[in-house]
Each structure stands twice: as structure tokens, then as C-alpha cells.
Amino acid sequence: MPIAFVGLKYAFHCFLSMDEPNSYTSNPLDSRQLRAFFPLSRKGSFTASAKELHLAQSAISHSMKALEEDVGRRLLDRVGTKVLLTQAGEAFLRHECRP
């Protein structure tokens, strides 16, 4: 099992316990969204992430939009063809990758 998916509930709990308003959600995180988030955060490109995951670019885009809606925070800044993590996105990544 990949380390990124170990402790999923703990990571989500840590993310929700941050002092950020409106970040609570009653829906569990979708592992497909997380599988798209990690390469996107690493590569900074929807196209490169889609190629790595053998998915359409639009599938990655829709997954990220759904993930942001689920956590109640904007996790990504889209700048032209590049993608950068917001402060909330960096915090989410740190907590999600924790063993």
C-alpha cells in the first residue's frame, strides 16, 4: 500500500483541524482525487499528470475541482498552463503524505 494512502483518515482529520474556516466536510475523501492530486502537486501540470496516470486532462481537472469542493478550500492556483499549490494545498499535501 503506498505511503500516501496510509493514515488517510488521520491526514484528513489534521487538515480539518487547522484554523481555516469552512474547511469541514461530512464527505470522505475520494482516493481517485488524491491519486490525481499527488502527481499534480509534483509536476505542476494537468497534462503531465494526466499522462502519468493514463487519464484525460479533463479528468484530472474535474477531480481537482471536486477535491477542492470536498475540503472547502482552494488547493491549487492555476497560472496559464502551470499549477501551483496554494498555502492550503501545501498544508494538505504535508498532512496527507505523513505516515
PDB file of N, CA and C in Angstrom:
ATOM      1  N   MET A   1       0.855  -1.182   0.000  1.00  0.00           N
ATOM      2  CA  MET A   1       0.000   0.000   0.000  1.00  0.00           C
ATOM      3  C   MET A   1       0.898   1.242   0.000  1.00  0.00           C
ATOM      4  N   PRO A   2       0.676   2.200  -0.913  1.00  0.00           N
ATOM      5  CA  PRO A   2       1.501   3.396  -0.968  1.00  0.00           C
ATOM      6  C   PRO A   2       1.396   4.189   0.325  1.00  0.00           C
ATOM      7  N   ILE A   3       2.510   4.800   0.704  1.00  0.00           N
ATOM      8  CA  ILE A   3       2.549   5.557   1.948  1.00  0.00           C
ATOM      9  C   ILE A   3       1.552   6.708   1.944  1.00  0.00           C
ATOM     10  N   ALA A   4       1.255   7.239   0.775  1.00  0.00           N
ATOM     11  CA  ALA A   4       0.347   8.378   0.688  1.00  0.00           C
ATOM     12  C   ALA A   4      -1.062   8.030   1.148  1.00  0.00           C
ATOM     13  N   PHE A   5      -1.436   6.768   1.046  1.00  0.00           N
ATOM     14  CA  PHE A   5      -2.792   6.402   1.418  1.00  0.00           C
ATOM     15  C   PHE A   5      -2.885   5.829   2.832  1.00  0.00           C
ATOM     16  N   VAL A   6      -1.743   5.648   3.478  1.00  0.00           N
ATOM     17  CA  VAL A   6      -1.734   5.194   4.862  1.00  0.00           C
ATOM     18  C   VAL A   6      -2.098   6.377   5.742  1.00  0.00           C
ATOM     19  N   GLY A   7      -2.999   6.173   6.635  1.00  0.00           N
ATOM     20  CA  GLY A   7      -3.385   7.245   7.539  1.00  0.00           C
ATOM     21  C   GLY A   7      -4.264   8.292   6.895  1.00  0.00           C
ATOM     22  N   LEU A   8      -5.055   7.892   5.917  1.00  0.00           N
ATOM     23  CA  LEU A   8      -5.911   8.836   5.203  1.00  0.00           C
ATOM     24  C   LEU A   8      -6.858   9.568   6.147  1.00  0.00           C
ATOM     25  N   LYS A   9      -7.486   8.821   7.036  1.00  0.00           N
ATOM     26  CA  LYS A   9      -8.414   9.456   7.975  1.00  0.00           C
ATOM     27  C   LYS A   9      -7.681  10.419   8.892  1.00  0.00           C
ATOM     28  N   TYR A  10      -6.477  10.041   9.356  1.00  0.00           N
ATOM     29  CA  TYR A  10      -5.700  10.910  10.230  1.00  0.00           C
ATOM     30  C   TYR A  10      -5.303  12.195   9.503  1.00  0.00           C
ATOM     31  N   ALA A  11      -4.858  12.049   8.263  1.00  0.00           N
ATOM     32  CA  ALA A  11      -4.441  13.221   7.493  1.00  0.00           C
ATOM     33  C   ALA A  11      -5.607  14.170   7.269  1.00  0.00           C
ATOM     34  N   PHE A  12      -6.752  13.611   6.934  1.00  0.00           N
ATOM     35  CA  PHE A  12      -7.915  14.453   6.702  1.00  0.00           C
ATOM     36  C   PHE A  12      -8.337  15.133   7.998  1.00  0.00           C
ATOM     37  N   HIS A  13      -8.269  14.408   9.114  1.00  0.00           N
ATOM     38  CA  HIS A  13      -8.600  14.997  10.412  1.00  0.00           C
ATOM     39  C   HIS A  13      -7.656  16.162  10.726  1.00  0.00           C
ATOM     40  N   CYS A  14      -6.364  15.975  10.472  1.00  0.00           N
ATOM     41  CA  CYS A  14      -5.391  17.043  10.715  1.00  0.00           C
ATOM     42  C   CYS A  14      -5.684  18.261   9.841  1.00  0.00           C
ATOM     43  N   PHE A  15      -6.021  17.994   8.589  1.00  0.00           N
ATOM     44  CA  PHE A  15      -6.320  19.104   7.686  1.00  0.00           C
ATOM     45  C   PHE A  15      -7.549  19.866   8.159  1.00  0.00           C
ATOM     46  N   LEU A  16      -8.564  19.146   8.607  1.00  0.00           N
ATOM     47  CA  LEU A  16      -9.786  19.800   9.059  1.00  0.00           C
ATOM     48  C   LEU A  16      -9.595  20.536  10.370  1.00  0.00           C
ATOM     49  N   SER A  17      -8.638  20.099  11.182  1.00  0.00           N
ATOM     50  CA  SER A  17      -8.447  20.737  12.480  1.00  0.00           C
ATOM     51  C   SER A  17      -7.627  22.016  12.381  1.00  0.00           C
ATOM     52  N   MET A  18      -7.127  22.354  11.195  1.00  0.00           N
ATOM     53  CA  MET A  18      -6.400  23.603  11.028  1.00  0.00           C
ATOM     54  C   MET A  18      -7.368  24.759  11.245  1.00  0.00           C
ATOM     55  N   ASP A  19      -6.845  25.903  11.587  1.00  0.00           N
ATOM     56  CA  ASP A  19      -7.676  27.074  11.861  1.00  0.00           C
ATOM     57  C   ASP A  19      -8.126  27.751  10.576  1.00  0.00           C
ATOM     58  N   GLU A  20      -8.770  27.007   9.717  1.00  0.00           N
ATOM     59  CA  GLU A  20      -9.269  27.556   8.468  1.00  0.00           C
ATOM     60  C   GLU A  20     -10.781  27.433   8.462  1.00  0.00           C
ATOM     61  N   PRO A  21     -11.487  28.548   8.324  1.00  0.00           N
ATOM     62  CA  PRO A  21     -12.947  28.491   8.337  1.00  0.00           C
ATOM     63  C   PRO A  21     -13.489  27.739   7.134  1.00  0.00           C
ATOM     64  N   ASN A  22     -14.644  27.115   7.351  1.00  0.00           N
ATOM     65  CA  ASN A  22     -15.371  26.430   6.279  1.00  0.00           C
ATOM     66  C   ASN A  22     -14.610  25.271   5.653  1.00  0.00           C
ATOM     67  N   SER A  23     -13.699  24.631   6.380  1.00  0.00           N
ATOM     68  CA  SER A  23     -12.981  23.523   5.785  1.00  0.00           C
ATOM     69  C   SER A  23     -13.573  22.177   6.183  1.00  0.00           C
ATOM     70  N   TYR A  24     -14.671  22.181   6.909  1.00  0.00           N
ATOM     71  CA  TYR A  24     -15.274  20.928   7.346  1.00  0.00           C
ATOM     72  C   TYR A  24     -16.145  20.351   6.244  1.00  0.00           C
ATOM     73  N   THR A  25     -16.074  19.074   6.098  1.00  0.00           N
ATOM     74  CA  THR A  25     -16.946  18.375   5.161  1.00  0.00           C
ATOM     75  C   THR A  25     -17.357  17.052   5.783  1.00  0.00           C
ATOM     76  N   SER A  26     -18.568  16.613   5.500  1.00  0.00           N
ATOM     77  CA  SER A  26     -19.027  15.332   6.029  1.00  0.00           C
ATOM     78  C   SER A  26     -18.740  14.197   5.047  1.00  0.00           C
ATOM     79  N   ASN A  27     -18.250  14.528   3.853  1.00  0.00           N
ATOM     80  CA  ASN A  27     -17.959  13.507   2.844  1.00  0.00           C
ATOM     81  C   ASN A  27     -16.536  12.997   3.011  1.00  0.00           C
ATOM     82  N   PRO A  28     -16.335  11.682   2.906  1.00  0.00           N
ATOM     83  CA  PRO A  28     -14.964  11.164   2.929  1.00  0.00           C
ATOM     84  C   PRO A  28     -14.252  11.544   1.635  1.00  0.00           C
ATOM     85  N   LEU A  29     -12.946  11.644   1.701  1.00  0.00           N
ATOM     86  CA  LEU A  29     -12.179  11.971   0.508  1.00  0.00           C
ATOM     87  C   LEU A  29     -12.167  10.783  -0.438  1.00  0.00           C
ATOM     88  N   ASP A  30     -12.177  11.083  -1.704  1.00  0.00           N
ATOM     89  CA  ASP A  30     -12.154  10.073  -2.756  1.00  0.00           C
ATOM     90  C   ASP A  30     -10.689   9.767  -3.083  1.00  0.00           C
ATOM     91  N   SER A  31     -10.315   8.510  -3.025  1.00  0.00           N
ATOM     92  CA  SER A  31      -8.920   8.142  -3.282  1.00  0.00           C
ATOM     93  C   SER A  31      -8.492   8.482  -4.709  1.00  0.00           C
ATOM     94  N   ARG A  32      -9.430   8.497  -5.648  1.00  0.00           N
ATOM     95  CA  ARG A  32      -9.086   8.872  -7.028  1.00  0.00           C
ATOM     96  C   ARG A  32      -8.670  10.336  -7.101  1.00  0.00           C
ATOM     97  N   GLN A  33      -9.315  11.161  -6.295  1.00  0.00           N
ATOM     98  CA  GLN A  33      -8.939  12.575  -6.257  1.00  0.00           C
ATOM     99  C   GLN A  33      -7.533  12.730  -5.687  1.00  0.00           C
ATOM    100  N   LEU A  34      -7.240  11.957  -4.649  1.00  0.00           N
ATOM    101  CA  LEU A  34      -5.909  12.030  -4.050  1.00  0.00           C
ATOM    102  C   LEU A  34      -4.846  11.500  -4.999  1.00  0.00           C
ATOM    103  N   ARG A  35      -5.166  10.442  -5.743  1.00  0.00           N
ATOM    104  CA  ARG A  35      -4.215   9.907  -6.719  1.00  0.00           C
ATOM    105  C   ARG A  35      -3.898  10.929  -7.806  1.00  0.00           C
ATOM    106  N   ALA A  36      -4.831  11.794  -8.114  1.00  0.00           N
ATOM    107  CA  ALA A  36      -4.584  12.848  -9.101  1.00  0.00           C
ATOM    108  C   ALA A  36      -3.865  14.037  -8.466  1.00  0.00           C
ATOM    109  N   PHE A  37      -4.140  14.301  -7.190  1.00  0.00           N
ATOM    110  CA  PHE A  37      -3.546  15.462  -6.504  1.00  0.00           C
ATOM    111  C   PHE A  37      -2.033  15.326  -6.354  1.00  0.00           C
ATOM    112  N   PHE A  38      -1.551  14.133  -5.988  1.00  0.00           N
ATOM    113  CA  PHE A  38      -0.119  13.967  -5.725  1.00  0.00           C
ATOM    114  C   PHE A  38       0.747  14.220  -6.952  1.00  0.00           C
ATOM    115  N   PRO A  39       0.468  13.600  -8.107  1.00  0.00           N
ATOM    116  CA  PRO A  39       1.298  13.906  -9.281  1.00  0.00           C
ATOM    117  C   PRO A  39       1.144  15.363  -9.737  1.00  0.00           C
ATOM    118  N   LEU A  40      -0.048  15.895  -9.588  1.00  0.00           N
ATOM    119  CA  LEU A  40      -0.263  17.284  -9.991  1.00  0.00           C
ATOM    120  C   LEU A  40       0.571  18.228  -9.123  1.00  0.00           C
ATOM    121  N   SER A  41       0.617  17.959  -7.837  1.00  0.00           N
ATOM    122  CA  SER A  41       1.419  18.802  -6.946  1.00  0.00           C
ATOM    123  C   SER A  41       2.907  18.664  -7.250  1.00  0.00           C
ATOM    124  N   ARG A  42       3.325  17.489  -7.687  1.00  0.00           N
ATOM    125  CA  ARG A  42       4.724  17.229  -8.010  1.00  0.00           C
ATOM    126  C   ARG A  42       5.109  17.813  -9.366  1.00  0.00           C
ATOM    127  N   LYS A  43       4.257  17.631 -10.363  1.00  0.00           N
ATOM    128  CA  LYS A  43       4.596  18.023 -11.731  1.00  0.00           C
ATOM    129  C   LYS A  43       4.185  19.449 -12.082  1.00  0.00           C
ATOM    130  N   GLY A  44       3.122  19.948 -11.424  1.00  0.00           N
ATOM    131  CA  GLY A  44       2.682  21.309 -11.706  1.00  0.00           C
ATOM    132  C   GLY A  44       2.022  21.472 -13.057  1.00  0.00           C
ATOM    133  N   SER A  45       1.460  20.385 -13.585  1.00  0.00           N
ATOM    134  CA  SER A  45       0.853  20.422 -14.908  1.00  0.00           C
ATOM    135  C   SER A  45      -0.268  19.391 -14.994  1.00  0.00           C
ATOM    136  N   PHE A  46      -1.445  19.840 -15.446  1.00  0.00           N
ATOM    137  CA  PHE A  46      -2.547  18.906 -15.643  1.00  0.00           C
ATOM    138  C   PHE A  46      -2.201  17.886 -16.723  1.00  0.00           C
ATOM    139  N   THR A  47      -1.569  18.349 -17.793  1.00  0.00           N
ATOM    140  CA  THR A  47      -1.229  17.478 -18.912  1.00  0.00           C
ATOM    141  C   THR A  47      -0.234  16.396 -18.505  1.00  0.00           C
ATOM    142  N   ALA A  48       0.833  16.786 -17.813  1.00  0.00           N
ATOM    143  CA  ALA A  48       1.849  15.818 -17.383  1.00  0.00           C
ATOM    144  C   ALA A  48       1.263  14.822 -16.382  1.00  0.00           C
ATOM    145  N   SER A  49       0.414  15.302 -15.496  1.00  0.00           N
ATOM    146  CA  SER A  49      -0.220  14.415 -14.515  1.00  0.00           C
ATOM    147  C   SER A  49      -1.151  13.422 -15.199  1.00  0.00           C
ATOM    148  N   ALA A  50      -1.902  13.922 -16.171  1.00  0.00           N
ATOM    149  CA  ALA A  50      -2.821  13.054 -16.908  1.00  0.00           C
ATOM    150  C   ALA A  50      -2.055  11.965 -17.653  1.00  0.00           C
ATOM    151  N   LYS A  51      -0.931  12.333 -18.259  1.00  0.00           N
ATOM    152  CA  LYS A  51      -0.119  11.339 -18.971  1.00  0.00           C
ATOM    153  C   LYS A  51       0.409  10.285 -18.007  1.00  0.00           C
ATOM    154  N   GLU A  52       0.878  10.725 -16.846  1.00  0.00           N
ATOM    155  CA  GLU A  52       1.418   9.777 -15.857  1.00  0.00           C
ATOM    156  C   GLU A  52       0.350   8.794 -15.383  1.00  0.00           C
ATOM    157  N   LEU A  53      -0.868   9.291 -15.218  1.00  0.00           N
ATOM    158  CA  LEU A  53      -1.955   8.464 -14.701  1.00  0.00           C
ATOM    159  C   LEU A  53      -2.769   7.775 -15.804  1.00  0.00           C
ATOM    160  N   HIS A  54      -2.410   8.037 -17.051  1.00  0.00           N
ATOM    161  CA  HIS A  54      -3.130   7.468 -18.197  1.00  0.00           C
ATOM    162  C   HIS A  54      -4.609   7.858 -18.161  1.00  0.00           C
ATOM    163  N   LEU A  55      -4.847   9.142 -17.919  1.00  0.00           N
ATOM    164  CA  LEU A  55      -6.195   9.700 -17.887  1.00  0.00           C
ATOM    165  C   LEU A  55      -6.257  10.902 -18.806  1.00  0.00           C
ATOM    166  N   ALA A  56      -7.458  11.355 -19.087  1.00  0.00           N
ATOM    167  CA  ALA A  56      -7.633  12.586 -19.860  1.00  0.00           C
ATOM    168  C   ALA A  56      -7.345  13.784 -18.958  1.00  0.00           C
ATOM    169  N   GLN A  57      -6.862  14.845 -19.558  1.00  0.00           N
ATOM    170  CA  GLN A  57      -6.572  16.068 -18.807  1.00  0.00           C
ATOM    171  C   GLN A  57      -7.830  16.571 -18.091  1.00  0.00           C
ATOM    172  N   SER A  58      -8.959  16.476 -18.754  1.00  0.00           N
ATOM    173  CA  SER A  58     -10.211  16.951 -18.153  1.00  0.00           C
ATOM    174  C   SER A  58     -10.586  16.137 -16.912  1.00  0.00           C
ATOM    175  N   ALA A  59     -10.213  14.855 -16.895  1.00  0.00           N
ATOM    176  CA  ALA A  59     -10.497  14.022 -15.721  1.00  0.00           C
ATOM    177  C   ALA A  59      -9.720  14.525 -14.509  1.00  0.00           C
ATOM    178  N   ILE A  60      -8.474  14.916 -14.716  1.00  0.00           N
ATOM    179  CA  ILE A  60      -7.660  15.460 -13.625  1.00  0.00           C
ATOM    180  C   ILE A  60      -8.254  16.781 -13.155  1.00  0.00           C
ATOM    181  N   SER A  61      -8.624  17.617 -14.095  1.00  0.00           N
ATOM    182  CA  SER A  61      -9.205  18.918 -13.770  1.00  0.00           C
ATOM    183  C   SER A  61     -10.493  18.772 -12.959  1.00  0.00           C
ATOM    184  N   HIS A  62     -11.363  17.872 -13.393  1.00  0.00           N
ATOM    185  CA  HIS A  62     -12.618  17.648 -12.679  1.00  0.00           C
ATOM    186  C   HIS A  62     -12.373  17.064 -11.289  1.00  0.00           C
ATOM    187  N   SER A  63     -11.394  16.166 -11.177  1.00  0.00           N
ATOM    188  CA  SER A  63     -11.062  15.584  -9.880  1.00  0.00           C
ATOM    189  C   SER A  63     -10.566  16.646  -8.910  1.00  0.00           C
ATOM    190  N   MET A  64      -9.747  17.574  -9.406  1.00  0.00           N
ATOM    191  CA  MET A  64      -9.214  18.622  -8.530  1.00  0.00           C
ATOM    192  C   MET A  64     -10.302  19.599  -8.099  1.00  0.00           C
ATOM    193  N   LYS A  65     -11.201  19.893  -9.007  1.00  0.00           N
ATOM    194  CA  LYS A  65     -12.321  20.766  -8.650  1.00  0.00           C
ATOM    195  C   LYS A  65     -13.177  20.103  -7.569  1.00  0.00           C
ATOM    196  N   ALA A  66     -13.440  18.814  -7.726  1.00  0.00           N
ATOM    197  CA  ALA A  66     -14.230  18.078  -6.737  1.00  0.00           C
ATOM    198  C   ALA A  66     -13.498  17.991  -5.399  1.00  0.00           C
ATOM    199  N   LEU A  67     -12.182  17.776  -5.424  1.00  0.00           N
ATOM    200  CA  LEU A  67     -11.403  17.703  -4.189  1.00  0.00           C
ATOM    201  C   LEU A  67     -11.453  19.036  -3.454  1.00  0.00           C
ATOM    202  N   GLU A  68     -11.284  20.125  -4.188  1.00  0.00           N
ATOM    203  CA  GLU A  68     -11.346  21.450  -3.570  1.00  0.00           C
ATOM    204  C   GLU A  68     -12.719  21.706  -2.964  1.00  0.00           C
ATOM    205  N   GLU A  69     -13.765  21.267  -3.636  1.00  0.00           N
ATOM    206  CA  GLU A  69     -15.113  21.422  -3.089  1.00  0.00           C
ATOM    207  C   GLU A  69     -15.294  20.560  -1.846  1.00  0.00           C
ATOM    208  N   ASP A  70     -14.738  19.355  -1.858  1.00  0.00           N
ATOM    209  CA  ASP A  70     -14.859  18.452  -0.715  1.00  0.00           C
ATOM    210  C   ASP A  70     -14.170  18.998   0.527  1.00  0.00           C
ATOM    211  N   VAL A  71     -12.981  19.566   0.363  1.00  0.00           N
ATOM    212  CA  VAL A  71     -12.256  20.073   1.527  1.00  0.00           C
ATOM    213  C   VAL A  71     -12.648  21.515   1.862  1.00  0.00           C
ATOM    214  N   GLY A  72     -13.334  22.174   0.952  1.00  0.00           N
ATOM    215  CA  GLY A  72     -13.817  23.526   1.229  1.00  0.00           C
ATOM    216  C   GLY A  72     -12.764  24.604   1.123  1.00  0.00           C
ATOM    217  N   ARG A  73     -11.657  24.329   0.478  1.00  0.00           N
ATOM    218  CA  ARG A  73     -10.575  25.293   0.306  1.00  0.00           C
ATOM    219  C   ARG A  73     -10.023  25.177  -1.106  1.00  0.00           C
ATOM    220  N   ARG A  74      -9.499  26.279  -1.607  1.00  0.00           N
ATOM    221  CA  ARG A  74      -8.811  26.240  -2.893  1.00  0.00           C
ATOM    222  C   ARG A  74      -7.412  25.682  -2.640  1.00  0.00           C
ATOM    223  N   LEU A  75      -7.067  24.599  -3.274  1.00  0.00           N
ATOM    224  CA  LEU A  75      -5.781  23.936  -3.069  1.00  0.00           C
ATOM    225  C   LEU A  75      -4.768  24.275  -4.150  1.00  0.00           C
ATOM    226  N   LEU A  76      -5.251  24.734  -5.303  1.00  0.00           N
ATOM    227  CA  LEU A  76      -4.388  24.977  -6.456  1.00  0.00           C
ATOM    228  C   LEU A  76      -4.604  26.366  -7.022  1.00  0.00           C
ATOM    229  N   ASP A  77      -3.508  26.974  -7.460  1.00  0.00           N
ATOM    230  CA  ASP A  77      -3.575  28.196  -8.256  1.00  0.00           C
ATOM    231  C   ASP A  77      -3.243  27.798  -9.684  1.00  0.00           C
ATOM    232  N   ARG A  78      -4.123  28.126 -10.587  1.00  0.00           N
ATOM    233  CA  ARG A  78      -3.900  27.821 -11.991  1.00  0.00           C
ATOM    234  C   ARG A  78      -3.373  29.075 -12.666  1.00  0.00           C
ATOM    235  N   VAL A  79      -2.133  29.022 -13.135  1.00  0.00           N
ATOM    236  CA  VAL A  79      -1.478  30.170 -13.761  1.00  0.00           C
ATOM    237  C   VAL A  79      -1.059  29.757 -15.160  1.00  0.00           C
ATOM    238  N   GLY A  80      -1.879  30.125 -16.133  1.00  0.00           N
ATOM    239  CA  GLY A  80      -1.610  29.700 -17.504  1.00  0.00           C
ATOM    240  C   GLY A  80      -1.679  28.187 -17.594  1.00  0.00           C
ATOM    241  N   THR A  81      -0.601  27.569 -18.043  1.00  0.00           N
ATOM    242  CA  THR A  81      -0.572  26.112 -18.133  1.00  0.00           C
ATOM    243  C   THR A  81       0.064  25.477 -16.894  1.00  0.00           C
ATOM    244  N   LYS A  82       0.534  26.288 -15.966  1.00  0.00           N
ATOM    245  CA  LYS A  82       1.163  25.789 -14.744  1.00  0.00           C
ATOM    246  C   LYS A  82       0.160  25.722 -13.606  1.00  0.00           C
ATOM    247  N   VAL A  83       0.441  24.851 -12.660  1.00  0.00           N
ATOM    248  CA  VAL A  83      -0.385  24.700 -11.469  1.00  0.00           C
ATOM    249  C   VAL A  83       0.530  24.817 -10.261  1.00  0.00           C
ATOM    250  N   LEU A  84       0.159  25.693  -9.339  1.00  0.00           N
ATOM    251  CA  LEU A  84       0.918  25.873  -8.106  1.00  0.00           C
ATOM    252  C   LEU A  84       0.014  25.573  -6.920  1.00  0.00           C
ATOM    253  N   LEU A  85       0.602  25.039  -5.870  1.00  0.00           N
ATOM    254  CA  LEU A  85      -0.177  24.792  -4.664  1.00  0.00           C
ATOM    255  C   LEU A  85      -0.390  26.092  -3.904  1.00  0.00           C
ATOM    256  N   THR A  86      -1.589  26.268  -3.397  1.00  0.00           N
ATOM    257  CA  THR A  86      -1.852  27.391  -2.502  1.00  0.00           C
ATOM    258  C   THR A  86      -1.281  27.020  -1.136  1.00  0.00           C
ATOM    259  N   GLN A  87      -1.365  27.934  -0.191  1.00  0.00           N
ATOM    260  CA  GLN A  87      -0.914  27.646   1.163  1.00  0.00           C
ATOM    261  C   GLN A  87      -1.712  26.474   1.742  1.00  0.00           C
ATOM    262  N   ALA A  88      -3.019  26.474   1.500  1.00  0.00           N
ATOM    263  CA  ALA A  88      -3.861  25.365   1.969  1.00  0.00           C
ATOM    264  C   ALA A  88      -3.479  24.066   1.257  1.00  0.00           C
ATOM    265  N   GLY A  89      -3.134  24.150  -0.021  1.00  0.00           N
ATOM    266  CA  GLY A  89      -2.712  22.975  -0.773  1.00  0.00           C
ATOM    267  C   GLY A  89      -1.417  22.392  -0.246  1.00  0.00           C
ATOM    268  N   GLU A  90      -0.472  23.264   0.122  1.00  0.00           N
ATOM    269  CA  GLU A  90       0.788  22.794   0.700  1.00  0.00           C
ATOM    270  C   GLU A  90       0.547  22.126   2.049  1.00  0.00           C
ATOM    271  N   ALA A  91      -0.319  22.725   2.862  1.00  0.00           N
ATOM    272  CA  ALA A  91      -0.637  22.133   4.168  1.00  0.00           C
ATOM    273  C   ALA A  91      -1.322  20.783   3.979  1.00  0.00           C
ATOM    274  N   PHE A  92      -2.237  20.718   3.037  1.00  0.00           N
ATOM    275  CA  PHE A  92      -2.946  19.468   2.751  1.00  0.00           C
ATOM    276  C   PHE A  92      -1.961  18.385   2.316  1.00  0.00           C
ATOM    277  N   LEU A  93      -1.026  18.742   1.444  1.00  0.00           N
ATOM    278  CA  LEU A  93      -0.026  17.793   0.959  1.00  0.00           C
ATOM    279  C   LEU A  93       0.850  17.297   2.108  1.00  0.00           C
ATOM    280  N   ARG A  94       1.311  18.218   2.967  1.00  0.00           N
ATOM    281  CA  ARG A  94       2.146  17.824   4.109  1.00  0.00           C
ATOM    282  C   ARG A  94       1.411  16.839   5.008  1.00  0.00           C
ATOM    283  N   HIS A  95       0.160  17.137   5.308  1.00  0.00           N
ATOM    284  CA  HIS A  95      -0.613  16.269   6.197  1.00  0.00           C
ATOM    285  C   HIS A  95      -0.983  14.953   5.528  1.00  0.00           C
ATOM    286  N   GLU A  96      -1.217  14.991   4.237  1.00  0.00           N
ATOM    287  CA  GLU A  96      -1.646  13.789   3.514  1.00  0.00           C
ATOM    288  C   GLU A  96      -0.491  12.813   3.331  1.00  0.00           C
ATOM    289  N   CYS A  97       0.719  13.307   3.212  1.00  0.00           N
ATOM    290  CA  CYS A  97       1.882  12.444   2.985  1.00  0.00           C
ATOM    291  C   CYS A  97       2.508  11.940   4.267  1.00  0.00           C
ATOM    292  N   ARG A  98       1.993  12.358   5.386  1.00  0.00           N
ATOM    293  CA  ARG A  98       2.510  11.912   6.677  1.00  0.00           C
ATOM    294  C   ARG A  98       2.179  10.446   6.905  1.00  0.00           C
ATOM    295  N   PRO A  99       3.158   9.630   7.347  1.00  0.00           N
ATOM    296  CA  PRO A  99       2.861   8.199   7.586  1.00  0.00           C
ATOM    297  C   PRO A  99       1.965   7.985   8.777  1.00  0.00           C
TER     298      PRO A  99
END
